[in-house]
Amino acid sequence: MLSVQRMTPFFTSQEDFRLRLVFAYQYFSIIKGGEVYQFVPSEGKEIVVNVKSLQVENLGEVFVFQRGSKFIRLPLYQLLLISDLHLHLSTILEGTLKLKIEVPEVVIEEAGLLIAQLEAEYYDRMIDYALETKNRSLFIQLTEGML
């Protein structure tokens, strides 16, 4: 999975019900496999958002990122699917349009339950790890909280 490290529009403009976010060098970077890739405006360089529906309109736009001699070419729709780009976009929209995007209570509750489930699974894996490595002190530390 990719994560967006920095995403600051170089230029924004609103035309009717469309908001254009234009990006340039050093204003957009992603992290893939622990390595930072910088945005290169060789192909796509803007994101167009419909402010009425809050939908991205130019999903076919291809963004290019570079690290040394390695390049990553990603269509905007794919970038939205495999990264946390939507979180950065919502922050930009809140600031630019003075919108307050509300997250439904159901979504917050589901996220809380999912996080609790993942934490419990991780806890179980840590206990399994302590048993596999015969790490008695870690096992005792992990299981004392369960009693």
Protein backbone atom coordinates (compact mmCIF):
# COMPACT_ATOMS: atom_id res chain seq x y z
CA MET A 1 0.00 0.00 0.00
CA LEU A 2 1.12 3.51 -0.71
CA SER A 3 0.80 6.43 1.61
CA VAL A 4 0.85 10.09 0.77
CA GLN A 5 3.62 11.92 2.58
CA ARG A 6 2.88 15.42 1.36
CA MET A 7 0.08 16.79 -0.77
CA THR A 8 -0.14 20.57 -1.08
CA PRO A 9 -1.68 22.11 -4.19
CA PHE A 10 0.59 24.57 -5.95
CA PHE A 11 -2.46 26.33 -7.36
CA THR A 12 -6.22 26.03 -6.82
CA SER A 13 -9.07 27.51 -8.81
CA GLN A 14 -12.81 27.14 -8.65
CA GLU A 15 -14.81 27.35 -11.85
CA ASP A 16 -18.57 26.99 -11.34
CA PHE A 17 -18.91 23.74 -9.41
CA ARG A 18 -15.43 22.36 -10.18
CA LEU A 19 -12.36 22.80 -8.03
CA ARG A 20 -9.01 22.35 -9.79
CA LEU A 21 -6.04 21.38 -7.65
CA VAL A 22 -2.77 21.76 -9.58
CA PHE A 23 0.41 20.12 -8.27
CA ALA A 24 4.08 20.85 -8.99
CA TYR A 25 7.48 19.51 -7.93
CA GLN A 26 8.06 19.20 -4.16
CA TYR A 27 4.36 19.69 -3.37
CA PHE A 28 3.32 16.06 -3.69
CA SER A 29 5.16 12.94 -2.55
CA ILE A 30 4.29 9.33 -1.72
CA ILE A 31 5.92 6.57 0.27
CA LYS A 32 6.17 3.07 -1.19
CA GLY A 33 8.13 0.37 0.57
CA GLY A 34 9.69 2.89 2.93
CA GLU A 35 11.05 4.98 0.05
CA VAL A 36 9.87 8.50 -0.76
CA TYR A 37 8.90 9.19 -4.39
CA GLN A 38 8.53 12.79 -5.53
CA PHE A 39 5.82 13.91 -7.94
CA VAL A 40 6.96 14.75 -11.47
CA PRO A 41 4.46 16.81 -13.53
CA SER A 42 5.34 15.07 -16.80
CA GLU A 43 1.84 13.74 -17.51
CA GLY A 44 -1.04 14.53 -15.16
CA LYS A 45 -0.69 17.39 -12.75
CA GLU A 46 -4.19 18.25 -11.57
CA ILE A 47 -7.11 16.80 -9.69
CA VAL A 48 -10.57 18.09 -10.56
CA VAL A 49 -13.23 17.74 -7.85
CA ASN A 50 -16.94 18.33 -8.35
CA VAL A 51 -17.83 20.40 -5.28
CA LYS A 52 -21.52 19.47 -5.46
CA SER A 53 -20.99 15.71 -5.35
CA LEU A 54 -17.45 15.78 -3.87
CA GLN A 55 -16.38 13.31 -6.57
CA VAL A 56 -13.07 13.34 -8.44
CA GLU A 57 -13.85 13.89 -12.12
CA ASN A 58 -10.55 13.15 -13.88
CA LEU A 59 -9.91 9.62 -12.63
CA GLY A 60 -7.96 8.69 -15.78
CA GLU A 61 -5.27 11.34 -15.17
CA VAL A 62 -1.85 9.65 -14.82
CA PHE A 63 0.47 10.84 -12.06
CA VAL A 64 4.20 10.10 -12.21
CA PHE A 65 6.45 9.81 -9.15
CA GLN A 66 10.23 9.48 -9.20
CA ARG A 67 12.99 8.31 -6.88
CA GLY A 68 16.38 8.42 -8.55
CA SER A 69 16.05 6.43 -11.77
CA LYS A 70 12.86 4.62 -10.64
CA PHE A 71 9.47 5.87 -11.80
CA ILE A 72 5.96 4.98 -10.72
CA ARG A 73 3.08 5.81 -13.09
CA LEU A 74 -0.35 5.65 -11.47
CA PRO A 75 -3.75 6.62 -12.83
CA LEU A 76 -5.62 8.78 -10.35
CA TYR A 77 -8.32 6.14 -9.80
CA GLN A 78 -5.65 3.61 -8.80
CA LEU A 79 -3.90 6.13 -6.56
CA LEU A 80 -7.21 6.69 -4.77
CA LEU A 81 -7.72 2.94 -4.34
CA ILE A 82 -4.30 1.95 -3.00
CA SER A 83 -3.34 4.96 -0.91
CA ASP A 84 -4.69 7.35 1.70
CA LEU A 85 -5.06 10.11 -0.91
CA HIS A 86 -8.76 10.57 -0.11
CA LEU A 87 -7.87 11.66 3.44
CA HIS A 88 -5.56 14.36 2.12
CA LEU A 89 -8.14 15.44 -0.45
CA SER A 90 -10.82 15.81 2.22
CA THR A 91 -8.46 17.94 4.33
CA ILE A 92 -7.73 20.17 1.34
CA LEU A 93 -11.45 20.45 0.53
CA GLU A 94 -12.30 21.35 4.11
CA GLY A 95 -9.70 24.13 4.06
CA THR A 96 -10.35 25.43 0.55
CA LEU A 97 -14.13 25.29 0.47
CA LYS A 98 -14.66 25.83 4.20
CA LEU A 99 -16.52 22.53 4.24
CA LYS A 100 -16.94 20.37 7.26
CA ILE A 101 -17.11 16.79 6.04
CA GLU A 102 -18.97 14.80 8.65
CA VAL A 103 -18.17 11.15 9.22
CA PRO A 104 -21.32 9.16 10.05
CA GLU A 105 -21.43 7.72 13.58
CA VAL A 106 -21.90 4.21 12.15
CA VAL A 107 -18.60 4.49 10.29
CA ILE A 108 -16.79 5.66 13.44
CA GLU A 109 -18.26 2.75 15.44
CA GLU A 110 -17.34 0.21 12.74
CA ALA A 111 -13.81 1.60 12.56
CA GLY A 112 -13.51 1.33 16.35
CA LEU A 113 -14.67 -2.30 16.28
CA LEU A 114 -12.28 -3.11 13.45
CA ILE A 115 -9.36 -1.51 15.29
CA ALA A 116 -10.23 -3.44 18.46
CA GLN A 117 -10.35 -6.69 16.46
CA LEU A 118 -6.99 -5.98 14.81
CA GLU A 119 -5.42 -5.12 18.17
CA ALA A 120 -6.71 -8.39 19.68
CA GLU A 121 -5.31 -10.39 16.75
CA TYR A 122 -1.98 -8.60 17.09
CA TYR A 123 -1.95 -9.32 20.83
CA ASP A 124 -2.57 -13.02 20.13
CA ARG A 125 0.26 -13.04 17.58
CA MET A 126 2.59 -11.47 20.14
CA ILE A 127 1.71 -14.24 22.64
CA ASP A 128 2.34 -16.85 19.92
CA TYR A 129 5.67 -15.18 19.16
CA ALA A 130 6.66 -15.25 22.85
CA LEU A 131 5.84 -18.97 22.97
CA GLU A 132 7.70 -19.76 19.74
CA THR A 133 10.84 -17.92 20.83
CA LYS A 134 10.55 -19.25 24.41
CA ASN A 135 10.62 -15.66 25.68
CA ARG A 136 9.23 -16.26 29.16
CA SER A 137 9.39 -12.63 30.32
CA LEU A 138 7.48 -11.39 27.26
CA PHE A 139 4.90 -14.14 27.70
CA ILE A 140 4.38 -13.25 31.36
CA GLN A 141 4.19 -9.54 30.51
CA LEU A 142 1.56 -10.17 27.84
CA THR A 143 -0.56 -12.61 29.85
CA GLU A 144 -0.54 -10.75 33.19
CA GLY A 145 -2.91 -8.16 31.75
CA MET A 146 -5.39 -10.89 30.77
CA LEU A 147 -6.03 -12.15 34.33
